[in-house]
């Protein structure tokens, strides 16, 4: 046993010492195909990391990073002591948890339903129709929402008026704001989110379903004992990644839907950074807020990954 393990260790060592160039030459077309994505992450994700230092400076565009004075954790102290911090934290977590509870399971349920459709033309037609909203911009989504639910011009309220009912101010109701955002996200992205789950379902051996049918299992039993276990690893990985973005609620959607009547429940970290950091020119302060969000996201991803490992589930690493 010891000899075998020694041999396997030596094999791994030889494998690690192999020159990189032959592999690059052999898979050159795959690397060329991946090059745009690699450049995107390098330019827009990794290079900006070097500028996070301005969160610890009193940054001035005229002095630059090298000439701006250091202030340590002053911006973080200011942010945490700001009365708006708890409002921003409440709204951000509230919207994210709404999406986690209602939006995250929606593509899973829809994928399970589509998997049960046996008529291929009907299945492909439904898939195409539910994919389309993903390609619409949030500006267009807001326009459609306004045309549907505006108190003066919305179709919904016009129907209430035709029925001699009182109109409802949905877009300016703080109690309905989080639910409206969640409903928009579900309508726009639920179809696109089914792609990866349908791909996981496609990997199930059809003989498992045939054996289950022979054993007398109905559709629900086949779904519960065969389809869902096949999706479990994908669900866990996506859940871990979703927890890492819990501090990101989507700036464009929230900013477009925000109005004076719902500011108390609509202001989140992303819109606050734009309003204070970009419009008022407080770049160091907004960078400190962004760094705080990133640290929380990393902690959640690492914690969720360790929890998944401890319970024997699929993990990111």
C-alpha atoms as a PDB file:
ATOM      1  CA  UNK A   1       0.000   0.000   0.000  1.00  0.00           C
ATOM      2  CA  UNK A   2       2.829   2.403   0.910  1.00  0.00           C
ATOM      3  CA  UNK A   3       4.646   1.546  -2.319  1.00  0.00           C
ATOM      4  CA  UNK A   4       1.523   2.222  -4.361  1.00  0.00           C
ATOM      5  CA  UNK A   5       0.965   5.594  -2.694  1.00  0.00           C
ATOM      6  CA  UNK A   6       4.627   6.491  -3.281  1.00  0.00           C
ATOM      7  CA  UNK A   7       4.287   5.637  -6.951  1.00  0.00           C
ATOM      8  CA  UNK A   8       1.112   7.713  -7.300  1.00  0.00           C
ATOM      9  CA  UNK A   9       2.835  10.647  -5.567  1.00  0.00           C
ATOM     10  CA  UNK A  10       5.765  10.397  -7.948  1.00  0.00           C
ATOM     11  CA  UNK A  11       3.367  10.313 -10.892  1.00  0.00           C
ATOM     12  CA  UNK A  12       1.664  13.483  -9.693  1.00  0.00           C
ATOM     13  CA  UNK A  13       5.060  15.145  -9.261  1.00  0.00           C
ATOM     14  CA  UNK A  14       6.065  14.252 -12.832  1.00  0.00           C
ATOM     15  CA  UNK A  15       2.699  15.526 -14.061  1.00  0.00           C
ATOM     16  CA  UNK A  16       3.205  18.866 -12.290  1.00  0.00           C
ATOM     17  CA  UNK A  17       6.668  19.266 -13.870  1.00  0.00           C
ATOM     18  CA  UNK A  18       5.367  18.858 -17.416  1.00  0.00           C
ATOM     19  CA  UNK A  19       6.066  21.944 -19.550  1.00  0.00           C
ATOM     20  CA  UNK A  20       3.084  24.209 -20.122  1.00  0.00           C
ATOM     21  CA  UNK A  21       3.773  25.035 -23.773  1.00  0.00           C
ATOM     22  CA  UNK A  22       2.699  21.663 -25.278  1.00  0.00           C
ATOM     23  CA  UNK A  23      -0.662  21.927 -23.521  1.00  0.00           C
ATOM     24  CA  UNK A  24      -1.124  25.511 -24.709  1.00  0.00           C
ATOM     25  CA  UNK A  25      -0.249  24.522 -28.270  1.00  0.00           C
ATOM     26  CA  UNK A  26      -2.567  21.526 -28.238  1.00  0.00           C
ATOM     27  CA  UNK A  27      -5.554  23.462 -26.884  1.00  0.00           C
ATOM     28  CA  UNK A  28      -4.739  26.803 -28.543  1.00  0.00           C
ATOM     29  CA  UNK A  29      -8.171  27.204 -30.132  1.00  0.00           C
ATOM     30  CA  UNK A  30      -9.907  26.675 -26.802  1.00  0.00           C
ATOM     31  CA  UNK A  31      -7.720  29.332 -25.180  1.00  0.00           C
ATOM     32  CA  UNK A  32      -8.406  31.747 -28.050  1.00  0.00           C
ATOM     33  CA  UNK A  33     -12.109  31.112 -27.541  1.00  0.00           C
ATOM     34  CA  UNK A  34     -11.733  31.864 -23.814  1.00  0.00           C
ATOM     35  CA  UNK A  35      -9.547  34.939 -24.399  1.00  0.00           C
ATOM     36  CA  UNK A  36     -12.365  37.564 -24.456  1.00  0.00           C
ATOM     37  CA  UNK A  37     -13.713  36.295 -21.136  1.00  0.00           C
ATOM     38  CA  UNK A  38     -10.226  36.221 -19.615  1.00  0.00           C
ATOM     39  CA  UNK A  39      -9.531  39.791 -20.760  1.00  0.00           C
ATOM     40  CA  UNK A  40     -12.882  40.930 -19.371  1.00  0.00           C
ATOM     41  CA  UNK A  41     -12.081  39.600 -15.900  1.00  0.00           C
ATOM     42  CA  UNK A  42      -8.527  40.966 -15.967  1.00  0.00           C
ATOM     43  CA  UNK A  43      -9.543  44.467 -17.082  1.00  0.00           C
ATOM     44  CA  UNK A  44     -12.795  44.933 -15.182  1.00  0.00           C
ATOM     45  CA  UNK A  45     -12.333  42.682 -12.135  1.00  0.00           C
ATOM     46  CA  UNK A  46      -8.675  42.205 -11.204  1.00  0.00           C
ATOM     47  CA  UNK A  47      -7.048  45.492 -12.246  1.00  0.00           C
ATOM     48  CA  UNK A  48      -9.616  47.596 -10.274  1.00  0.00           C
ATOM     49  CA  UNK A  49      -8.676  45.658  -7.114  1.00  0.00           C
ATOM     50  CA  UNK A  50      -5.435  47.662  -7.008  1.00  0.00           C
ATOM     51  CA  UNK A  51      -7.465  50.863  -6.598  1.00  0.00           C
ATOM     52  CA  UNK A  52      -9.195  49.694  -3.423  1.00  0.00           C
ATOM     53  CA  UNK A  53      -6.488  51.494  -1.466  1.00  0.00           C
ATOM     54  CA  UNK A  54      -8.345  54.792  -1.973  1.00  0.00           C
ATOM     55  CA  UNK A  55     -10.858  53.513   0.589  1.00  0.00           C
ATOM     56  CA  UNK A  56      -8.115  54.189   3.157  1.00  0.00           C
ATOM     57  CA  UNK A  57      -7.195  57.585   1.702  1.00  0.00           C
ATOM     58  CA  UNK A  58      -8.706  61.023   1.346  1.00  0.00           C
ATOM     59  CA  UNK A  59      -8.519  60.547  -2.390  1.00  0.00           C
ATOM     60  CA  UNK A  60      -8.335  63.496  -4.760  1.00  0.00           C
ATOM     61  CA  UNK A  61      -8.323  63.013  -8.546  1.00  0.00           C
ATOM     62  CA  UNK A  62      -5.876  65.910  -8.827  1.00  0.00           C
ATOM     63  CA  UNK A  63      -3.358  64.342  -6.423  1.00  0.00           C
ATOM     64  CA  UNK A  64      -3.838  60.756  -7.595  1.00  0.00           C
ATOM     65  CA  UNK A  65      -3.428  57.610  -5.523  1.00  0.00           C
ATOM     66  CA  UNK A  66       0.239  58.263  -4.825  1.00  0.00           C
ATOM     67  CA  UNK A  67      -0.314  61.839  -3.636  1.00  0.00           C
ATOM     68  CA  UNK A  68      -3.560  61.467  -1.669  1.00  0.00           C
ATOM     69  CA  UNK A  69      -3.165  61.433   2.143  1.00  0.00           C
ATOM     70  CA  UNK A  70      -3.881  58.288   4.140  1.00  0.00           C
ATOM     71  CA  UNK A  71      -6.729  58.375   6.664  1.00  0.00           C
ATOM     72  CA  UNK A  72      -6.871  54.726   7.736  1.00  0.00           C
ATOM     73  CA  UNK A  73     -10.334  53.461   8.694  1.00  0.00           C
ATOM     74  CA  UNK A  74     -11.911  56.905   8.876  1.00  0.00           C
ATOM     75  CA  UNK A  75     -14.357  56.249   6.034  1.00  0.00           C
ATOM     76  CA  UNK A  76     -15.414  52.903   7.506  1.00  0.00           C
ATOM     77  CA  UNK A  77     -16.026  54.538  10.892  1.00  0.00           C
ATOM     78  CA  UNK A  78     -18.064  57.258   9.245  1.00  0.00           C
ATOM     79  CA  UNK A  79     -20.120  54.710   7.320  1.00  0.00           C
ATOM     80  CA  UNK A  80     -20.874  52.437  10.286  1.00  0.00           C
ATOM     81  CA  UNK A  81     -21.789  55.399  12.503  1.00  0.00           C
ATOM     82  CA  UNK A  82     -24.052  56.902   9.834  1.00  0.00           C
ATOM     83  CA  UNK A  83     -27.751  56.630  10.818  1.00  0.00           C
ATOM     84  CA  UNK A  84     -28.490  55.506   7.259  1.00  0.00           C
ATOM     85  CA  UNK A  85     -26.319  52.376   7.666  1.00  0.00           C
ATOM     86  CA  UNK A  86     -29.014  50.301   9.385  1.00  0.00           C
ATOM     87  CA  UNK A  87     -31.640  51.412   6.878  1.00  0.00           C
ATOM     88  CA  UNK A  88     -29.359  50.431   3.993  1.00  0.00           C
ATOM     89  CA  UNK A  89     -28.529  47.101   5.628  1.00  0.00           C
ATOM     90  CA  UNK A  90     -32.210  46.346   6.300  1.00  0.00           C
ATOM     91  CA  UNK A  91     -33.300  47.162   2.753  1.00  0.00           C
ATOM     92  CA  UNK A  92     -30.425  45.336   1.098  1.00  0.00           C
ATOM     93  CA  UNK A  93     -30.863  42.173   3.151  1.00  0.00           C
ATOM     94  CA  UNK A  94     -34.651  42.346   2.863  1.00  0.00           C
ATOM     95  CA  UNK A  95     -34.627  42.516  -0.941  1.00  0.00           C
ATOM     96  CA  UNK A  96     -31.914  39.857  -1.188  1.00  0.00           C
ATOM     97  CA  UNK A  97     -33.745  37.480   1.148  1.00  0.00           C
ATOM     98  CA  UNK A  98     -36.954  37.975  -0.845  1.00  0.00           C
ATOM     99  CA  UNK A  99     -35.062  36.971  -3.970  1.00  0.00           C
ATOM    100  CA  UNK A 100     -33.446  34.046  -2.169  1.00  0.00           C
ATOM    101  CA  UNK A 101     -36.749  32.690  -0.858  1.00  0.00           C
ATOM    102  CA  UNK A 102     -38.956  33.289  -3.896  1.00  0.00           C
ATOM    103  CA  UNK A 103     -36.736  33.844  -6.934  1.00  0.00           C
ATOM    104  CA  UNK A 104     -34.036  31.209  -6.351  1.00  0.00           C
ATOM    105  CA  UNK A 105     -36.432  28.201  -6.223  1.00  0.00           C
ATOM    106  CA  UNK A 106     -38.502  29.460  -9.183  1.00  0.00           C
ATOM    107  CA  UNK A 107     -36.139  28.220 -11.965  1.00  0.00           C
ATOM    108  CA  UNK A 108     -35.856  24.852 -10.196  1.00  0.00           C
ATOM    109  CA  UNK A 109     -39.632  24.425 -10.068  1.00  0.00           C
ATOM    110  CA  UNK A 110     -40.013  25.587 -13.669  1.00  0.00           C
ATOM    111  CA  UNK A 111     -37.286  23.194 -14.858  1.00  0.00           C
ATOM    112  CA  UNK A 112     -39.035  20.304 -13.108  1.00  0.00           C
ATOM    113  CA  UNK A 113     -42.313  21.271 -14.773  1.00  0.00           C
ATOM    114  CA  UNK A 114     -40.739  21.577 -18.221  1.00  0.00           C
ATOM    115  CA  UNK A 115     -39.076  18.203 -17.791  1.00  0.00           C
ATOM    116  CA  UNK A 116     -42.512  16.635 -17.431  1.00  0.00           C
ATOM    117  CA  UNK A 117     -43.747  18.056 -20.750  1.00  0.00           C
ATOM    118  CA  UNK A 118     -43.636  15.229 -23.286  1.00  0.00           C
ATOM    119  CA  UNK A 119     -44.759  17.191 -26.370  1.00  0.00           C
ATOM    120  CA  UNK A 120     -41.426  18.477 -27.733  1.00  0.00           C
ATOM    121  CA  UNK A 121     -42.892  21.305 -29.832  1.00  0.00           C
ATOM    122  CA  UNK A 122     -44.843  22.606 -26.849  1.00  0.00           C
ATOM    123  CA  UNK A 123     -41.784  22.299 -24.620  1.00  0.00           C
ATOM    124  CA  UNK A 124     -39.512  24.216 -27.000  1.00  0.00           C
ATOM    125  CA  UNK A 125     -42.143  26.895 -27.579  1.00  0.00           C
ATOM    126  CA  UNK A 126     -42.558  27.477 -23.839  1.00  0.00           C
ATOM    127  CA  UNK A 127     -38.784  27.568 -23.342  1.00  0.00           C
ATOM    128  CA  UNK A 128     -38.365  30.172 -26.092  1.00  0.00           C
ATOM    129  CA  UNK A 129     -41.129  32.358 -24.675  1.00  0.00           C
ATOM    130  CA  UNK A 130     -39.770  32.346 -21.126  1.00  0.00           C
ATOM    131  CA  UNK A 131     -36.202  33.057 -22.332  1.00  0.00           C
ATOM    132  CA  UNK A 132     -37.191  36.290 -24.125  1.00  0.00           C
ATOM    133  CA  UNK A 133     -37.584  38.571 -21.027  1.00  0.00           C
ATOM    134  CA  UNK A 134     -33.941  37.942 -20.107  1.00  0.00           C
ATOM    135  CA  UNK A 135     -32.856  39.976 -23.147  1.00  0.00           C
ATOM    136  CA  UNK A 136     -34.976  43.001 -22.218  1.00  0.00           C
ATOM    137  CA  UNK A 137     -33.252  45.891 -20.459  1.00  0.00           C
ATOM    138  CA  UNK A 138     -34.349  47.048 -17.026  1.00  0.00           C
ATOM    139  CA  UNK A 139     -35.379  50.359 -18.573  1.00  0.00           C
ATOM    140  CA  UNK A 140     -37.870  48.525 -20.759  1.00  0.00           C
ATOM    141  CA  UNK A 141     -39.006  46.402 -17.801  1.00  0.00           C
ATOM    142  CA  UNK A 142     -39.675  49.573 -15.823  1.00  0.00           C
ATOM    143  CA  UNK A 143     -41.636  51.017 -18.739  1.00  0.00           C
ATOM    144  CA  UNK A 144     -43.792  47.898 -18.946  1.00  0.00           C
ATOM    145  CA  UNK A 145     -44.328  47.958 -15.188  1.00  0.00           C
ATOM    146  CA  UNK A 146     -45.379  51.604 -15.324  1.00  0.00           C
ATOM    147  CA  UNK A 147     -47.829  50.933 -18.152  1.00  0.00           C
ATOM    148  CA  UNK A 148     -49.316  48.050 -16.183  1.00  0.00           C
ATOM    149  CA  UNK A 149     -49.516  49.475 -12.651  1.00  0.00           C
ATOM    150  CA  UNK A 150     -49.405  53.271 -12.838  1.00  0.00           C
ATOM    151  CA  UNK A 151     -52.276  54.792 -10.876  1.00  0.00           C
ATOM    152  CA  UNK A 152     -53.179  57.203 -13.656  1.00  0.00           C
ATOM    153  CA  UNK A 153     -52.157  55.371 -16.834  1.00  0.00           C
ATOM    154  CA  UNK A 154     -51.798  51.732 -15.819  1.00  0.00           C
ATOM    155  CA  UNK A 155     -53.883  48.997 -17.377  1.00  0.00           C
ATOM    156  CA  UNK A 156     -54.560  47.395 -13.997  1.00  0.00           C
ATOM    157  CA  UNK A 157     -56.104  50.550 -12.544  1.00  0.00           C
ATOM    158  CA  UNK A 158     -58.049  51.238 -15.739  1.00  0.00           C
ATOM    159  CA  UNK A 159     -59.652  47.822 -15.334  1.00  0.00           C
ATOM    160  CA  UNK A 160     -60.510  48.680 -11.714  1.00  0.00           C
ATOM    161  CA  UNK A 161     -62.061  51.949 -12.881  1.00  0.00           C
ATOM    162  CA  UNK A 162     -64.099  50.114 -15.512  1.00  0.00           C
ATOM    163  CA  UNK A 163     -65.400  47.854 -12.742  1.00  0.00           C
ATOM    164  CA  UNK A 164     -66.271  50.881 -10.550  1.00  0.00           C
ATOM    165  CA  UNK A 165     -63.516  50.025  -8.076  1.00  0.00           C
ATOM    166  CA  UNK A 166     -61.052  52.371  -6.381  1.00  0.00           C
ATOM    167  CA  UNK A 167     -57.624  52.627  -7.983  1.00  0.00           C
ATOM    168  CA  UNK A 168     -54.552  51.300  -6.182  1.00  0.00           C
ATOM    169  CA  UNK A 169     -51.243  53.169  -6.067  1.00  0.00           C
ATOM    170  CA  UNK A 170     -48.950  50.158  -6.390  1.00  0.00           C
ATOM    171  CA  UNK A 171     -45.738  51.850  -7.545  1.00  0.00           C
ATOM    172  CA  UNK A 172     -45.716  54.334  -4.639  1.00  0.00           C
ATOM    173  CA  UNK A 173     -46.703  51.897  -1.905  1.00  0.00           C
ATOM    174  CA  UNK A 174     -43.702  51.103   0.364  1.00  0.00           C
ATOM    175  CA  UNK A 175     -45.352  47.873   1.544  1.00  0.00           C
ATOM    176  CA  UNK A 176     -45.430  46.496  -2.010  1.00  0.00           C
ATOM    177  CA  UNK A 177     -42.012  47.697  -3.196  1.00  0.00           C
ATOM    178  CA  UNK A 178     -39.934  44.635  -2.254  1.00  0.00           C
ATOM    179  CA  UNK A 179     -42.579  42.304  -3.653  1.00  0.00           C
ATOM    180  CA  UNK A 180     -42.653  44.286  -6.911  1.00  0.00           C
ATOM    181  CA  UNK A 181     -38.880  43.972  -7.306  1.00  0.00           C
ATOM    182  CA  UNK A 182     -39.035  40.226  -6.645  1.00  0.00           C
ATOM    183  CA  UNK A 183     -41.859  39.751  -9.135  1.00  0.00           C
ATOM    184  CA  UNK A 184     -39.905  41.672 -11.769  1.00  0.00           C
ATOM    185  CA  UNK A 185     -36.810  39.523 -11.204  1.00  0.00           C
ATOM    186  CA  UNK A 186     -38.819  36.325 -11.457  1.00  0.00           C
ATOM    187  CA  UNK A 187     -40.559  37.407 -14.654  1.00  0.00           C
ATOM    188  CA  UNK A 188     -37.318  38.556 -16.282  1.00  0.00           C
ATOM    189  CA  UNK A 189     -34.850  35.855 -15.241  1.00  0.00           C
ATOM    190  CA  UNK A 190     -36.751  32.697 -14.271  1.00  0.00           C
ATOM    191  CA  UNK A 191     -36.706  31.318 -17.811  1.00  0.00           C
ATOM    192  CA  UNK A 192     -33.016  31.961 -18.307  1.00  0.00           C
ATOM    193  CA  UNK A 193     -32.239  30.373 -14.948  1.00  0.00           C
ATOM    194  CA  UNK A 194     -33.825  27.094 -16.023  1.00  0.00           C
ATOM    195  CA  UNK A 195     -31.093  26.443 -18.619  1.00  0.00           C
ATOM    196  CA  UNK A 196     -28.510  25.099 -16.198  1.00  0.00           C
ATOM    197  CA  UNK A 197     -31.087  23.012 -14.319  1.00  0.00           C
ATOM    198  CA  UNK A 198     -32.441  21.512 -17.533  1.00  0.00           C
ATOM    199  CA  UNK A 199     -28.844  20.665 -18.486  1.00  0.00           C
ATOM    200  CA  UNK A 200     -28.429  18.844 -15.161  1.00  0.00           C
ATOM    201  CA  UNK A 201     -31.677  16.947 -15.752  1.00  0.00           C
ATOM    202  CA  UNK A 202     -30.535  15.986 -19.258  1.00  0.00           C
ATOM    203  CA  UNK A 203     -27.647  14.057 -17.709  1.00  0.00           C
ATOM    204  CA  UNK A 204     -29.976  11.622 -15.935  1.00  0.00           C
ATOM    205  CA  UNK A 205     -29.907   8.117 -17.358  1.00  0.00           C
ATOM    206  CA  UNK A 206     -33.357   7.419 -18.914  1.00  0.00           C
ATOM    207  CA  UNK A 207     -33.104   3.821 -17.674  1.00  0.00           C
ATOM    208  CA  UNK A 208     -33.566   5.138 -14.132  1.00  0.00           C
ATOM    209  CA  UNK A 209     -36.975   6.532 -15.080  1.00  0.00           C
ATOM    210  CA  UNK A 210     -37.870   3.302 -16.888  1.00  0.00           C
ATOM    211  CA  UNK A 211     -36.926   1.229 -13.837  1.00  0.00           C
ATOM    212  CA  UNK A 212     -38.950   3.548 -11.607  1.00  0.00           C
ATOM    213  CA  UNK A 213     -41.997   3.181 -13.855  1.00  0.00           C
ATOM    214  CA  UNK A 214     -41.678  -0.605 -13.728  1.00  0.00           C
ATOM    215  CA  UNK A 215     -41.542  -0.390  -9.925  1.00  0.00           C
ATOM    216  CA  UNK A 216     -44.801   1.587  -9.987  1.00  0.00           C
ATOM    217  CA  UNK A 217     -43.416   5.051  -9.167  1.00  0.00           C
ATOM    218  CA  UNK A 218     -45.599   7.948 -10.308  1.00  0.00           C
ATOM    219  CA  UNK A 219     -44.416  11.257 -11.712  1.00  0.00           C
ATOM    220  CA  UNK A 220     -44.034  12.888  -8.324  1.00  0.00           C
ATOM    221  CA  UNK A 221     -41.998   9.960  -6.979  1.00  0.00           C
ATOM    222  CA  UNK A 222     -39.748   9.965 -10.051  1.00  0.00           C
ATOM    223  CA  UNK A 223     -39.267  13.694  -9.680  1.00  0.00           C
ATOM    224  CA  UNK A 224     -38.479  13.442  -5.961  1.00  0.00           C
ATOM    225  CA  UNK A 225     -36.161  10.426  -6.043  1.00  0.00           C
ATOM    226  CA  UNK A 226     -34.466  10.774  -9.446  1.00  0.00           C
ATOM    227  CA  UNK A 227     -34.705  14.284 -10.906  1.00  0.00           C
ATOM    228  CA  UNK A 228     -34.100  16.339  -7.779  1.00  0.00           C
ATOM    229  CA  UNK A 229     -31.058  14.298  -6.634  1.00  0.00           C
ATOM    230  CA  UNK A 230     -29.575  14.817 -10.107  1.00  0.00           C
ATOM    231  CA  UNK A 231     -29.951  18.580  -9.629  1.00  0.00           C
ATOM    232  CA  UNK A 232     -28.724  18.678  -6.033  1.00  0.00           C
ATOM    233  CA  UNK A 233     -25.053  19.451  -6.771  1.00  0.00           C
ATOM    234  CA  UNK A 234     -25.960  22.256  -9.159  1.00  0.00           C
ATOM    235  CA  UNK A 235     -28.456  23.676  -6.679  1.00  0.00           C
ATOM    236  CA  UNK A 236     -25.875  23.708  -3.887  1.00  0.00           C
ATOM    237  CA  UNK A 237     -23.209  25.426  -6.000  1.00  0.00           C
ATOM    238  CA  UNK A 238     -25.631  28.085  -7.229  1.00  0.00           C
ATOM    239  CA  UNK A 239     -26.923  28.612  -3.695  1.00  0.00           C
ATOM    240  CA  UNK A 240     -23.393  29.220  -2.426  1.00  0.00           C
ATOM    241  CA  UNK A 241     -22.766  31.707  -5.230  1.00  0.00           C
ATOM    242  CA  UNK A 242     -26.109  33.396  -4.539  1.00  0.00           C
ATOM    243  CA  UNK A 243     -25.142  33.903  -0.887  1.00  0.00           C
ATOM    244  CA  UNK A 244     -21.975  35.623  -2.062  1.00  0.00           C
ATOM    245  CA  UNK A 245     -24.051  38.273  -3.855  1.00  0.00           C
ATOM    246  CA  UNK A 246     -26.522  38.851  -1.044  1.00  0.00           C
ATOM    247  CA  UNK A 247     -25.235  42.429  -0.618  1.00  0.00           C
ATOM    248  CA  UNK A 248     -25.851  43.165  -4.313  1.00  0.00           C
ATOM    249  CA  UNK A 249     -29.474  43.914  -5.125  1.00  0.00           C
ATOM    250  CA  UNK A 250     -29.022  45.212  -8.659  1.00  0.00           C
ATOM    251  CA  UNK A 251     -28.483  48.964  -8.959  1.00  0.00           C
ATOM    252  CA  UNK A 252     -30.330  49.550 -12.223  1.00  0.00           C
ATOM    253  CA  UNK A 253     -33.569  47.823 -11.223  1.00  0.00           C
ATOM    254  CA  UNK A 254     -33.822  49.487  -7.810  1.00  0.00           C
ATOM    255  CA  UNK A 255     -32.782  52.913  -9.097  1.00  0.00           C
ATOM    256  CA  UNK A 256     -35.407  52.888 -11.844  1.00  0.00           C
ATOM    257  CA  UNK A 257     -38.199  51.742  -9.538  1.00  0.00           C
ATOM    258  CA  UNK A 258     -37.307  54.188  -6.757  1.00  0.00           C
ATOM    259  CA  UNK A 259     -39.405  57.289  -6.136  1.00  0.00           C
ATOM    260  CA  UNK A 260     -39.815  59.764  -3.284  1.00  0.00           C
ATOM    261  CA  UNK A 261     -42.630  57.771  -1.683  1.00  0.00           C
ATOM    262  CA  UNK A 262     -40.608  54.536  -1.348  1.00  0.00           C
ATOM    263  CA  UNK A 263     -37.120  55.888  -0.634  1.00  0.00           C
ATOM    264  CA  UNK A 264     -37.225  54.608   2.957  1.00  0.00           C
ATOM    265  CA  UNK A 265     -37.530  50.988   1.732  1.00  0.00           C
ATOM    266  CA  UNK A 266     -35.764  51.374  -1.634  1.00  0.00           C
ATOM    267  CA  UNK A 267     -32.400  52.918  -0.735  1.00  0.00           C
ATOM    268  CA  UNK A 268     -29.772  50.159  -0.779  1.00  0.00           C
ATOM    269  CA  UNK A 269     -25.972  50.086  -0.738  1.00  0.00           C
ATOM    270  CA  UNK A 270     -25.714  50.260  -4.541  1.00  0.00           C
ATOM    271  CA  UNK A 271     -27.924  53.336  -4.931  1.00  0.00           C
ATOM    272  CA  UNK A 272     -26.316  54.971  -1.892  1.00  0.00           C
ATOM    273  CA  UNK A 273     -22.849  54.505  -3.411  1.00  0.00           C
ATOM    274  CA  UNK A 274     -24.044  56.113  -6.630  1.00  0.00           C
ATOM    275  CA  UNK A 275     -25.757  59.012  -4.894  1.00  0.00           C
ATOM    276  CA  UNK A 276     -22.943  59.764  -2.430  1.00  0.00           C
ATOM    277  CA  UNK A 277     -19.867  58.467  -4.232  1.00  0.00           C
ATOM    278  CA  UNK A 278     -20.502  59.360  -7.862  1.00  0.00           C
ATOM    279  CA  UNK A 279     -22.830  62.363  -7.726  1.00  0.00           C
ATOM    280  CA  UNK A 280     -21.151  64.022  -4.723  1.00  0.00           C
ATOM    281  CA  UNK A 281     -17.626  62.991  -5.668  1.00  0.00           C
ATOM    282  CA  UNK A 282     -16.787  61.110  -2.440  1.00  0.00           C
ATOM    283  CA  UNK A 283     -14.788  58.374  -4.127  1.00  0.00           C
ATOM    284  CA  UNK A 284     -12.940  57.155  -1.039  1.00  0.00           C
ATOM    285  CA  UNK A 285     -16.143  56.883   0.982  1.00  0.00           C
ATOM    286  CA  UNK A 286     -17.957  54.926  -1.743  1.00  0.00           C
ATOM    287  CA  UNK A 287     -14.915  52.664  -2.210  1.00  0.00           C
ATOM    288  CA  UNK A 288     -14.976  51.848   1.508  1.00  0.00           C
ATOM    289  CA  UNK A 289     -18.654  50.875   1.196  1.00  0.00           C
ATOM    290  CA  UNK A 290     -17.916  48.684  -1.806  1.00  0.00           C
ATOM    291  CA  UNK A 291     -15.035  47.013   0.033  1.00  0.00           C
ATOM    292  CA  UNK A 292     -17.332  46.299   2.987  1.00  0.00           C
ATOM    293  CA  UNK A 293     -19.832  44.623   0.639  1.00  0.00           C
ATOM    294  CA  UNK A 294     -17.089  42.527  -0.953  1.00  0.00           C
ATOM    295  CA  UNK A 295     -15.745  41.356   2.412  1.00  0.00           C
ATOM    296  CA  UNK A 296     -19.232  40.308   3.529  1.00  0.00           C
ATOM    297  CA  UNK A 297     -19.714  38.418   0.252  1.00  0.00           C
ATOM    298  CA  UNK A 298     -16.414  36.555   0.639  1.00  0.00           C
ATOM    299  CA  UNK A 299     -17.236  35.607   4.235  1.00  0.00           C
ATOM    300  CA  UNK A 300     -20.643  34.264   3.200  1.00  0.00           C
ATOM    301  CA  UNK A 301     -19.211  32.241   0.312  1.00  0.00           C
ATOM    302  CA  UNK A 302     -16.447  30.729   2.442  1.00  0.00           C
ATOM    303  CA  UNK A 303     -18.849  29.996   5.307  1.00  0.00           C
ATOM    304  CA  UNK A 304     -21.467  28.436   3.035  1.00  0.00           C
ATOM    305  CA  UNK A 305     -18.804  26.376   1.263  1.00  0.00           C
ATOM    306  CA  UNK A 306     -17.472  25.017   4.562  1.00  0.00           C
ATOM    307  CA  UNK A 307     -20.996  24.248   5.762  1.00  0.00           C
ATOM    308  CA  UNK A 308     -21.716  22.364   2.533  1.00  0.00           C
ATOM    309  CA  UNK A 309     -18.540  20.316   2.978  1.00  0.00           C
ATOM    310  CA  UNK A 310     -19.371  19.547   6.599  1.00  0.00           C
ATOM    311  CA  UNK A 311     -22.787  18.199   5.630  1.00  0.00           C
ATOM    312  CA  UNK A 312     -21.357  16.157   2.762  1.00  0.00           C
ATOM    313  CA  UNK A 313     -22.806  18.302  -0.018  1.00  0.00           C
ATOM    314  CA  UNK A 314     -21.208  19.590  -3.201  1.00  0.00           C
ATOM    315  CA  UNK A 315     -18.966  22.632  -2.683  1.00  0.00           C
ATOM    316  CA  UNK A 316     -17.081  25.133  -4.820  1.00  0.00           C
ATOM    317  CA  UNK A 317     -13.618  23.980  -3.714  1.00  0.00           C
END
